[in-house]
Amino acid sequence: MPLTGYLILSALLFGMGVTGVLLRRNLVVIIMSVELMLNAANLALVAFSRFLPGHDGQVLAFLVIAIAAAEAAVGLALIVHIARQRGTVDVDDLTLLKG
């Protein structure tokens, strides 16, 4: 499979993630969409490291995976806390940061 195939797949996954972030109102789905976008970036990094000599995209992909795991843990902890406090995880119903 050529490099363009991997990059097209990565772009499609990233687009699906952006669509999920923009259109959904559930915090859990929004965090899953952000994770999908991070995985699309990982796919592009690993594809570049495989096809371009001298680039070590696998190290960057490992770093992105570590950051994504930390983001998911913190994000899910916040969602659980908000759900217990407010009773909903719908973005439209949350006015926690409103002045």
PDB file of N, CA and C in Angstrom:
ATOM      1  N   MET A   1       0.850  -1.178   0.000  1.00  0.00           N
ATOM      2  CA  MET A   1       0.000   0.000   0.000  1.00  0.00           C
ATOM      3  C   MET A   1       0.895   1.241   0.000  1.00  0.00           C
ATOM      4  N   PRO A   2       0.641   2.193  -0.889  1.00  0.00           N
ATOM      5  CA  PRO A   2       1.492   3.386  -0.956  1.00  0.00           C
ATOM      6  C   PRO A   2       1.199   4.357   0.198  1.00  0.00           C
ATOM      7  N   LEU A   3       2.088   5.331   0.346  1.00  0.00           N
ATOM      8  CA  LEU A   3       1.965   6.322   1.415  1.00  0.00           C
ATOM      9  C   LEU A   3       0.662   7.110   1.289  1.00  0.00           C
ATOM     10  N   THR A   4       0.242   7.407   0.072  1.00  0.00           N
ATOM     11  CA  THR A   4      -0.987   8.189  -0.099  1.00  0.00           C
ATOM     12  C   THR A   4      -2.211   7.461   0.444  1.00  0.00           C
ATOM     13  N   GLY A   5      -2.222   6.140   0.378  1.00  0.00           N
ATOM     14  CA  GLY A   5      -3.342   5.385   0.931  1.00  0.00           C
ATOM     15  C   GLY A   5      -3.457   5.560   2.442  1.00  0.00           C
ATOM     16  N   TYR A   6      -2.305   5.503   3.112  1.00  0.00           N
ATOM     17  CA  TYR A   6      -2.309   5.709   4.562  1.00  0.00           C
ATOM     18  C   TYR A   6      -2.720   7.132   4.924  1.00  0.00           C
ATOM     19  N   LEU A   7      -2.246   8.091   4.132  1.00  0.00           N
ATOM     20  CA  LEU A   7      -2.586   9.480   4.428  1.00  0.00           C
ATOM     21  C   LEU A   7      -4.050   9.782   4.155  1.00  0.00           C
ATOM     22  N   ILE A   8      -4.622   9.158   3.139  1.00  0.00           N
ATOM     23  CA  ILE A   8      -6.053   9.332   2.871  1.00  0.00           C
ATOM     24  C   ILE A   8      -6.878   8.733   4.002  1.00  0.00           C
ATOM     25  N   LEU A   9      -6.485   7.536   4.455  1.00  0.00           N
ATOM     26  CA  LEU A   9      -7.180   6.918   5.591  1.00  0.00           C
ATOM     27  C   LEU A   9      -7.057   7.778   6.834  1.00  0.00           C
ATOM     28  N   SER A  10      -5.870   8.331   7.070  1.00  0.00           N
ATOM     29  CA  SER A  10      -5.660   9.211   8.217  1.00  0.00           C
ATOM     30  C   SER A  10      -6.533  10.461   8.113  1.00  0.00           C
ATOM     31  N   ALA A  11      -6.627  11.037   6.935  1.00  0.00           N
ATOM     32  CA  ALA A  11      -7.467  12.231   6.744  1.00  0.00           C
ATOM     33  C   ALA A  11      -8.940  11.916   6.958  1.00  0.00           C
ATOM     34  N   LEU A  12      -9.381  10.746   6.499  1.00  0.00           N
ATOM     35  CA  LEU A  12     -10.782  10.355   6.715  1.00  0.00           C
ATOM     36  C   LEU A  12     -11.083  10.167   8.198  1.00  0.00           C
ATOM     37  N   LEU A  13     -10.166   9.509   8.910  1.00  0.00           N
ATOM     38  CA  LEU A  13     -10.362   9.324  10.357  1.00  0.00           C
ATOM     39  C   LEU A  13     -10.368  10.661  11.084  1.00  0.00           C
ATOM     40  N   PHE A  14      -9.461  11.559  10.690  1.00  0.00           N
ATOM     41  CA  PHE A  14      -9.413  12.874  11.319  1.00  0.00           C
ATOM     42  C   PHE A  14     -10.698  13.655  11.038  1.00  0.00           C
ATOM     43  N   GLY A  15     -11.196  13.562   9.817  1.00  0.00           N
ATOM     44  CA  GLY A  15     -12.446  14.231   9.477  1.00  0.00           C
ATOM     45  C   GLY A  15     -13.632  13.696  10.263  1.00  0.00           C
ATOM     46  N   MET A  16     -13.655  12.376  10.466  1.00  0.00           N
ATOM     47  CA  MET A  16     -14.723  11.792  11.285  1.00  0.00           C
ATOM     48  C   MET A  16     -14.640  12.298  12.720  1.00  0.00           C
ATOM     49  N   GLY A  17     -13.416  12.450  13.233  1.00  0.00           N
ATOM     50  CA  GLY A  17     -13.239  12.972  14.588  1.00  0.00           C
ATOM     51  C   GLY A  17     -13.697  14.415  14.706  1.00  0.00           C
ATOM     52  N   VAL A  18     -13.336  15.234  13.723  1.00  0.00           N
ATOM     53  CA  VAL A  18     -13.765  16.639  13.736  1.00  0.00           C
ATOM     54  C   VAL A  18     -15.284  16.735  13.661  1.00  0.00           C
ATOM     55  N   THR A  19     -15.876  15.907  12.819  1.00  0.00           N
ATOM     56  CA  THR A  19     -17.334  15.900  12.702  1.00  0.00           C
ATOM     57  C   THR A  19     -17.984  15.524  14.031  1.00  0.00           C
ATOM     58  N   GLY A  20     -17.426  14.540  14.705  1.00  0.00           N
ATOM     59  CA  GLY A  20     -17.961  14.133  16.004  1.00  0.00           C
ATOM     60  C   GLY A  20     -17.850  15.225  17.043  1.00  0.00           C
ATOM     61  N   VAL A  21     -16.734  15.964  17.048  1.00  0.00           N
ATOM     62  CA  VAL A  21     -16.563  17.048  18.019  1.00  0.00           C
ATOM     63  C   VAL A  21     -17.538  18.183  17.738  1.00  0.00           C
ATOM     64  N   LEU A  22     -17.744  18.492  16.464  1.00  0.00           N
ATOM     65  CA  LEU A  22     -18.587  19.642  16.122  1.00  0.00           C
ATOM     66  C   LEU A  22     -20.080  19.356  16.222  1.00  0.00           C
ATOM     67  N   LEU A  23     -20.491  18.121  15.970  1.00  0.00           N
ATOM     68  CA  LEU A  23     -21.927  17.842  15.880  1.00  0.00           C
ATOM     69  C   LEU A  23     -22.532  17.209  17.129  1.00  0.00           C
ATOM     70  N   ARG A  24     -21.754  16.549  17.925  1.00  0.00           N
ATOM     71  CA  ARG A  24     -22.301  15.838  19.078  1.00  0.00           C
ATOM     72  C   ARG A  24     -22.381  16.729  20.302  1.00  0.00           C
ATOM     73  N   ARG A  25     -23.289  16.414  21.201  1.00  0.00           N
ATOM     74  CA  ARG A  25     -23.487  17.187  22.423  1.00  0.00           C
ATOM     75  C   ARG A  25     -23.147  16.395  23.684  1.00  0.00           C
ATOM     76  N   ASN A  26     -22.790  15.138  23.539  1.00  0.00           N
ATOM     77  CA  ASN A  26     -22.459  14.303  24.683  1.00  0.00           C
ATOM     78  C   ASN A  26     -20.956  14.372  24.917  1.00  0.00           C
ATOM     79  N   LEU A  27     -20.540  14.642  26.152  1.00  0.00           N
ATOM     80  CA  LEU A  27     -19.121  14.797  26.446  1.00  0.00           C
ATOM     81  C   LEU A  27     -18.322  13.529  26.188  1.00  0.00           C
ATOM     82  N   VAL A  28     -18.913  12.377  26.434  1.00  0.00           N
ATOM     83  CA  VAL A  28     -18.205  11.115  26.211  1.00  0.00           C
ATOM     84  C   VAL A  28     -17.914  10.936  24.718  1.00  0.00           C
ATOM     85  N   VAL A  29     -18.876  11.250  23.877  1.00  0.00           N
ATOM     86  CA  VAL A  29     -18.681  11.131  22.430  1.00  0.00           C
ATOM     87  C   VAL A  29     -17.659  12.154  21.944  1.00  0.00           C
ATOM     88  N   ILE A  30     -17.648  13.331  22.529  1.00  0.00           N
ATOM     89  CA  ILE A  30     -16.673  14.348  22.142  1.00  0.00           C
ATOM     90  C   ILE A  30     -15.263  13.884  22.478  1.00  0.00           C
ATOM     91  N   ILE A  31     -15.069  13.303  23.649  1.00  0.00           N
ATOM     92  CA  ILE A  31     -13.737  12.797  24.010  1.00  0.00           C
ATOM     93  C   ILE A  31     -13.339  11.630  23.122  1.00  0.00           C
ATOM     94  N   MET A  32     -14.284  10.771  22.761  1.00  0.00           N
ATOM     95  CA  MET A  32     -13.967   9.680  21.842  1.00  0.00           C
ATOM     96  C   MET A  32     -13.575  10.222  20.467  1.00  0.00           C
ATOM     97  N   SER A  33     -14.196  11.301  20.041  1.00  0.00           N
ATOM     98  CA  SER A  33     -13.858  11.913  18.760  1.00  0.00           C
ATOM     99  C   SER A  33     -12.463  12.535  18.800  1.00  0.00           C
ATOM    100  N   VAL A  34     -12.096  13.124  19.922  1.00  0.00           N
ATOM    101  CA  VAL A  34     -10.739  13.665  20.069  1.00  0.00           C
ATOM    102  C   VAL A  34      -9.721  12.538  20.017  1.00  0.00           C
ATOM    103  N   GLU A  35     -10.033  11.419  20.647  1.00  0.00           N
ATOM    104  CA  GLU A  35      -9.140  10.251  20.587  1.00  0.00           C
ATOM    105  C   GLU A  35      -9.015   9.740  19.150  1.00  0.00           C
ATOM    106  N   LEU A  36     -10.086   9.776  18.397  1.00  0.00           N
ATOM    107  CA  LEU A  36     -10.037   9.362  16.993  1.00  0.00           C
ATOM    108  C   LEU A  36      -9.123  10.281  16.187  1.00  0.00           C
ATOM    109  N   MET A  37      -9.172  11.578  16.473  1.00  0.00           N
ATOM    110  CA  MET A  37      -8.289  12.507  15.777  1.00  0.00           C
ATOM    111  C   MET A  37      -6.825  12.258  16.152  1.00  0.00           C
ATOM    112  N   LEU A  38      -6.559  11.951  17.409  1.00  0.00           N
ATOM    113  CA  LEU A  38      -5.188  11.648  17.817  1.00  0.00           C
ATOM    114  C   LEU A  38      -4.687  10.367  17.158  1.00  0.00           C
ATOM    115  N   ASN A  39      -5.551   9.372  17.032  1.00  0.00           N
ATOM    116  CA  ASN A  39      -5.153   8.134  16.362  1.00  0.00           C
ATOM    117  C   ASN A  39      -4.899   8.365  14.866  1.00  0.00           C
ATOM    118  N   ALA A  40      -5.643   9.267  14.257  1.00  0.00           N
ATOM    119  CA  ALA A  40      -5.393   9.601  12.856  1.00  0.00           C
ATOM    120  C   ALA A  40      -4.020  10.253  12.705  1.00  0.00           C
ATOM    121  N   ALA A  41      -3.663  11.112  13.640  1.00  0.00           N
ATOM    122  CA  ALA A  41      -2.328  11.718  13.609  1.00  0.00           C
ATOM    123  C   ALA A  41      -1.257  10.657  13.808  1.00  0.00           C
ATOM    124  N   ASN A  42      -1.496   9.696  14.691  1.00  0.00           N
ATOM    125  CA  ASN A  42      -0.548   8.599  14.904  1.00  0.00           C
ATOM    126  C   ASN A  42      -0.353   7.788  13.631  1.00  0.00           C
ATOM    127  N   LEU A  43      -1.429   7.503  12.932  1.00  0.00           N
ATOM    128  CA  LEU A  43      -1.332   6.744  11.689  1.00  0.00           C
ATOM    129  C   LEU A  43      -0.474   7.480  10.665  1.00  0.00           C
ATOM    130  N   ALA A  44      -0.651   8.785  10.561  1.00  0.00           N
ATOM    131  CA  ALA A  44       0.151   9.570   9.625  1.00  0.00           C
ATOM    132  C   ALA A  44       1.625   9.578  10.038  1.00  0.00           C
ATOM    133  N   LEU A  45       1.894   9.717  11.339  1.00  0.00           N
ATOM    134  CA  LEU A  45       3.280   9.723  11.802  1.00  0.00           C
ATOM    135  C   LEU A  45       3.977   8.398  11.516  1.00  0.00           C
ATOM    136  N   VAL A  46       3.298   7.293  11.800  1.00  0.00           N
ATOM    137  CA  VAL A  46       3.902   5.986  11.574  1.00  0.00           C
ATOM    138  C   VAL A  46       4.070   5.724  10.077  1.00  0.00           C
ATOM    139  N   ALA A  47       3.127   6.166   9.265  1.00  0.00           N
ATOM    140  CA  ALA A  47       3.249   5.993   7.818  1.00  0.00           C
ATOM    141  C   ALA A  47       4.441   6.781   7.284  1.00  0.00           C
ATOM    142  N   PHE A  48       4.614   8.005   7.765  1.00  0.00           N
ATOM    143  CA  PHE A  48       5.772   8.787   7.331  1.00  0.00           C
ATOM    144  C   PHE A  48       7.076   8.138   7.774  1.00  0.00           C
ATOM    145  N   SER A  49       7.098   7.591   8.985  1.00  0.00           N
ATOM    146  CA  SER A  49       8.335   6.974   9.459  1.00  0.00           C
ATOM    147  C   SER A  49       8.668   5.720   8.658  1.00  0.00           C
ATOM    148  N   ARG A  50       7.661   5.061   8.128  1.00  0.00           N
ATOM    149  CA  ARG A  50       7.918   3.843   7.345  1.00  0.00           C
ATOM    150  C   ARG A  50       8.405   4.162   5.938  1.00  0.00           C
ATOM    151  N   PHE A  51       7.856   5.210   5.346  1.00  0.00           N
ATOM    152  CA  PHE A  51       8.152   5.495   3.945  1.00  0.00           C
ATOM    153  C   PHE A  51       9.252   6.528   3.742  1.00  0.00           C
ATOM    154  N   LEU A  52       9.555   7.349   4.725  1.00  0.00           N
ATOM    155  CA  LEU A  52      10.592   8.361   4.573  1.00  0.00           C
ATOM    156  C   LEU A  52      11.795   7.971   5.419  1.00  0.00           C
ATOM    157  N   PRO A  53      12.932   7.738   4.808  1.00  0.00           N
ATOM    158  CA  PRO A  53      14.106   7.339   5.589  1.00  0.00           C
ATOM    159  C   PRO A  53      14.621   8.499   6.438  1.00  0.00           C
ATOM    160  N   GLY A  54      15.099   8.164   7.616  1.00  0.00           N
ATOM    161  CA  GLY A  54      15.666   9.181   8.494  1.00  0.00           C
ATOM    162  C   GLY A  54      14.660   9.846   9.405  1.00  0.00           C
ATOM    163  N   HIS A  55      13.391   9.508   9.307  1.00  0.00           N
ATOM    164  CA  HIS A  55      12.378  10.084  10.183  1.00  0.00           C
ATOM    165  C   HIS A  55      11.922   9.024  11.173  1.00  0.00           C
ATOM    166  N   ASP A  56      11.870   9.404  12.419  1.00  0.00           N
ATOM    167  CA  ASP A  56      11.450   8.455  13.440  1.00  0.00           C
ATOM    168  C   ASP A  56      10.080   8.864  13.973  1.00  0.00           C
ATOM    169  N   GLY A  57       9.060   8.603  13.195  1.00  0.00           N
ATOM    170  CA  GLY A  57       7.704   8.958  13.584  1.00  0.00           C
ATOM    171  C   GLY A  57       7.130   8.044  14.641  1.00  0.00           C
ATOM    172  N   GLN A  58       7.735   6.881  14.829  1.00  0.00           N
ATOM    173  CA  GLN A  58       7.224   5.950  15.829  1.00  0.00           C
ATOM    174  C   GLN A  58       7.434   6.481  17.239  1.00  0.00           C
ATOM    175  N   VAL A  59       8.514   7.200  17.466  1.00  0.00           N
ATOM    176  CA  VAL A  59       8.741   7.810  18.772  1.00  0.00           C
ATOM    177  C   VAL A  59       7.699   8.888  19.027  1.00  0.00           C
ATOM    178  N   LEU A  60       7.419   9.700  18.007  1.00  0.00           N
ATOM    179  CA  LEU A  60       6.384  10.720  18.148  1.00  0.00           C
ATOM    180  C   LEU A  60       5.010  10.093  18.353  1.00  0.00           C
ATOM    181  N   ALA A  61       4.738   8.992  17.663  1.00  0.00           N
ATOM    182  CA  ALA A  61       3.455   8.313  17.833  1.00  0.00           C
ATOM    183  C   ALA A  61       3.320   7.786  19.256  1.00  0.00           C
ATOM    184  N   PHE A  62       4.412   7.258  19.815  1.00  0.00           N
ATOM    185  CA  PHE A  62       4.373   6.786  21.206  1.00  0.00           C
ATOM    186  C   PHE A  62       4.090   7.940  22.154  1.00  0.00           C
ATOM    187  N   LEU A  63       4.685   9.102  21.894  1.00  0.00           N
ATOM    188  CA  LEU A  63       4.433  10.280  22.713  1.00  0.00           C
ATOM    189  C   LEU A  63       2.965  10.704  22.611  1.00  0.00           C
ATOM    190  N   VAL A  64       2.409  10.682  21.411  1.00  0.00           N
ATOM    191  CA  VAL A  64       1.003  11.056  21.226  1.00  0.00           C
ATOM    192  C   VAL A  64       0.090  10.063  21.938  1.00  0.00           C
ATOM    193  N   ILE A  65       0.429   8.779  21.919  1.00  0.00           N
ATOM    194  CA  ILE A  65      -0.377   7.773  22.623  1.00  0.00           C
ATOM    195  C   ILE A  65      -0.348   8.022  24.124  1.00  0.00           C
ATOM    196  N   ALA A  66       0.821   8.370  24.655  1.00  0.00           N
ATOM    197  CA  ALA A  66       0.922   8.659  26.086  1.00  0.00           C
ATOM    198  C   ALA A  66       0.099   9.883  26.462  1.00  0.00           C
ATOM    199  N   ILE A  67       0.156  10.916  25.633  1.00  0.00           N
ATOM    200  CA  ILE A  67      -0.638  12.115  25.899  1.00  0.00           C
ATOM    201  C   ILE A  67      -2.131  11.814  25.783  1.00  0.00           C
ATOM    202  N   ALA A  68      -2.510  11.000  24.809  1.00  0.00           N
ATOM    203  CA  ALA A  68      -3.921  10.638  24.635  1.00  0.00           C
ATOM    204  C   ALA A  68      -4.434   9.846  25.825  1.00  0.00           C
ATOM    205  N   ALA A  69      -3.606   8.969  26.374  1.00  0.00           N
ATOM    206  CA  ALA A  69      -4.025   8.194  27.545  1.00  0.00           C
ATOM    207  C   ALA A  69      -4.238   9.111  28.747  1.00  0.00           C
ATOM    208  N   ALA A  70      -3.333  10.057  28.942  1.00  0.00           N
ATOM    209  CA  ALA A  70      -3.496  11.005  30.046  1.00  0.00           C
ATOM    210  C   ALA A  70      -4.728  11.878  29.836  1.00  0.00           C
ATOM    211  N   GLU A  71      -4.941  12.310  28.596  1.00  0.00           N
ATOM    212  CA  GLU A  71      -6.118  13.133  28.300  1.00  0.00           C
ATOM    213  C   GLU A  71      -7.410  12.367  28.540  1.00  0.00           C
ATOM    214  N   ALA A  72      -7.422  11.111  28.168  1.00  0.00           N
ATOM    215  CA  ALA A  72      -8.629  10.297  28.369  1.00  0.00           C
ATOM    216  C   ALA A  72      -8.894  10.087  29.848  1.00  0.00           C
ATOM    217  N   ALA A  73      -7.855   9.837  30.616  1.00  0.00           N
ATOM    218  CA  ALA A  73      -8.047   9.620  32.057  1.00  0.00           C
ATOM    219  C   ALA A  73      -8.571  10.875  32.738  1.00  0.00           C
ATOM    220  N   VAL A  74      -7.969  12.016  32.444  1.00  0.00           N
ATOM    221  CA  VAL A  74      -8.418  13.270  33.055  1.00  0.00           C
ATOM    222  C   VAL A  74      -9.805  13.640  32.546  1.00  0.00           C
ATOM    223  N   GLY A  75     -10.037  13.489  31.248  1.00  0.00           N
ATOM    224  CA  GLY A  75     -11.345  13.824  30.683  1.00  0.00           C
ATOM    225  C   GLY A  75     -12.470  12.971  31.251  1.00  0.00           C
ATOM    226  N   LEU A  76     -12.234  11.672  31.363  1.00  0.00           N
ATOM    227  CA  LEU A  76     -13.272  10.801  31.916  1.00  0.00           C
ATOM    228  C   LEU A  76     -13.508  11.079  33.398  1.00  0.00           C
ATOM    229  N   ALA A  77     -12.451  11.418  34.133  1.00  0.00           N
ATOM    230  CA  ALA A  77     -12.638  11.779  35.548  1.00  0.00           C
ATOM    231  C   ALA A  77     -13.486  13.038  35.673  1.00  0.00           C
ATOM    232  N   LEU A  78     -13.239  14.014  34.814  1.00  0.00           N
ATOM    233  CA  LEU A  78     -14.060  15.231  34.835  1.00  0.00           C
ATOM    234  C   LEU A  78     -15.507  14.938  34.453  1.00  0.00           C
ATOM    235  N   ILE A  79     -15.699  14.073  33.472  1.00  0.00           N
ATOM    236  CA  ILE A  79     -17.059  13.730  33.051  1.00  0.00           C
ATOM    237  C   ILE A  79     -17.812  13.029  34.175  1.00  0.00           C
ATOM    238  N   VAL A  80     -17.152  12.104  34.859  1.00  0.00           N
ATOM    239  CA  VAL A  80     -17.805  11.401  35.977  1.00  0.00           C
ATOM    240  C   VAL A  80     -18.162  12.392  37.072  1.00  0.00           C
ATOM    241  N   HIS A  81     -17.265  13.321  37.369  1.00  0.00           N
ATOM    242  CA  HIS A  81     -17.539  14.312  38.404  1.00  0.00           C
ATOM    243  C   HIS A  81     -18.714  15.216  38.010  1.00  0.00           C
ATOM    244  N   ILE A  82     -18.727  15.679  36.768  1.00  0.00           N
ATOM    245  CA  ILE A  82     -19.823  16.537  36.294  1.00  0.00           C
ATOM    246  C   ILE A  82     -21.131  15.762  36.270  1.00  0.00           C
ATOM    247  N   ALA A  83     -21.094  14.498  35.851  1.00  0.00           N
ATOM    248  CA  ALA A  83     -22.321  13.699  35.795  1.00  0.00           C
ATOM    249  C   ALA A  83     -22.895  13.478  37.194  1.00  0.00           C
ATOM    250  N   ARG A  84     -22.030  13.276  38.168  1.00  0.00           N
ATOM    251  CA  ARG A  84     -22.524  13.095  39.543  1.00  0.00           C
ATOM    252  C   ARG A  84     -23.086  14.396  40.102  1.00  0.00           C
ATOM    253  N   GLN A  85     -22.448  15.493  39.781  1.00  0.00           N
ATOM    254  CA  GLN A  85     -22.863  16.780  40.315  1.00  0.00           C
ATOM    255  C   GLN A  85     -24.109  17.322  39.633  1.00  0.00           C
ATOM    256  N   ARG A  86     -24.146  17.247  38.297  1.00  0.00           N
ATOM    257  CA  ARG A  86     -25.235  17.858  37.530  1.00  0.00           C
ATOM    258  C   ARG A  86     -26.297  16.873  37.082  1.00  0.00           C
ATOM    259  N   GLY A  87     -25.951  15.607  36.993  1.00  0.00           N
ATOM    260  CA  GLY A  87     -26.918  14.613  36.548  1.00  0.00           C
ATOM    261  C   GLY A  87     -27.019  14.459  35.043  1.00  0.00           C
ATOM    262  N   THR A  88     -26.175  15.165  34.293  1.00  0.00           N
ATOM    263  CA  THR A  88     -26.195  15.065  32.840  1.00  0.00           C
ATOM    264  C   THR A  88     -24.790  15.293  32.289  1.00  0.00           C
ATOM    265  N   VAL A  89     -24.554  14.744  31.103  1.00  0.00           N
ATOM    266  CA  VAL A  89     -23.294  15.010  30.406  1.00  0.00           C
ATOM    267  C   VAL A  89     -23.565  15.675  29.066  1.00  0.00           C
ATOM    268  N   ASP A  90     -24.745  16.261  28.918  1.00  0.00           N
ATOM    269  CA  ASP A  90     -25.100  16.982  27.704  1.00  0.00           C
ATOM    270  C   ASP A  90     -24.442  18.356  27.745  1.00  0.00           C
ATOM    271  N   VAL A  91     -23.722  18.705  26.698  1.00  0.00           N
ATOM    272  CA  VAL A  91     -22.961  19.949  26.667  1.00  0.00           C
ATOM    273  C   VAL A  91     -23.881  21.160  26.745  1.00  0.00           C
ATOM    274  N   ASP A  92     -25.049  21.094  26.156  1.00  0.00           N
ATOM    275  CA  ASP A  92     -25.962  22.232  26.167  1.00  0.00           C
ATOM    276  C   ASP A  92     -26.504  22.541  27.568  1.00  0.00           C
ATOM    277  N   ASP A  93     -26.590  21.515  28.416  1.00  0.00           N
ATOM    278  CA  ASP A  93     -27.137  21.714  29.761  1.00  0.00           C
ATOM    279  C   ASP A  93     -26.099  22.169  30.766  1.00  0.00           C
ATOM    280  N   LEU A  94     -24.836  22.132  30.403  1.00  0.00           N
ATOM    281  CA  LEU A  94     -23.770  22.499  31.336  1.00  0.00           C
ATOM    282  C   LEU A  94     -23.447  23.980  31.216  1.00  0.00           C
ATOM    283  N   THR A  95     -23.571  24.677  32.318  1.00  0.00           N
ATOM    284  CA  THR A  95     -23.206  26.097  32.370  1.00  0.00           C
ATOM    285  C   THR A  95     -22.166  26.299  33.458  1.00  0.00           C
ATOM    286  N   LEU A  96     -21.307  25.336  33.630  1.00  0.00           N
ATOM    287  CA  LEU A  96     -20.326  25.341  34.711  1.00  0.00           C
ATOM    288  C   LEU A  96     -19.328  26.483  34.566  1.00  0.00           C
ATOM    289  N   LEU A  97     -18.934  26.823  33.355  1.00  0.00           N
ATOM    290  CA  LEU A  97     -17.921  27.831  33.137  1.00  0.00           C
ATOM    291  C   LEU A  97     -18.511  29.190  32.778  1.00  0.00           C
ATOM    292  N   LYS A  98     -19.822  29.311  32.822  1.00  0.00           N
ATOM    293  CA  LYS A  98     -20.449  30.586  32.507  1.00  0.00           C
ATOM    294  C   LYS A  98     -20.259  31.553  33.662  1.00  0.00           C
ATOM    295  N   GLY A  99     -20.059  32.827  33.332  1.00  0.00           N
ATOM    296  CA  GLY A  99     -19.814  33.843  34.360  1.00  0.00           C
ATOM    297  C   GLY A  99     -21.047  34.366  35.005  1.00  0.00           C
TER     298      GLY A  99
END
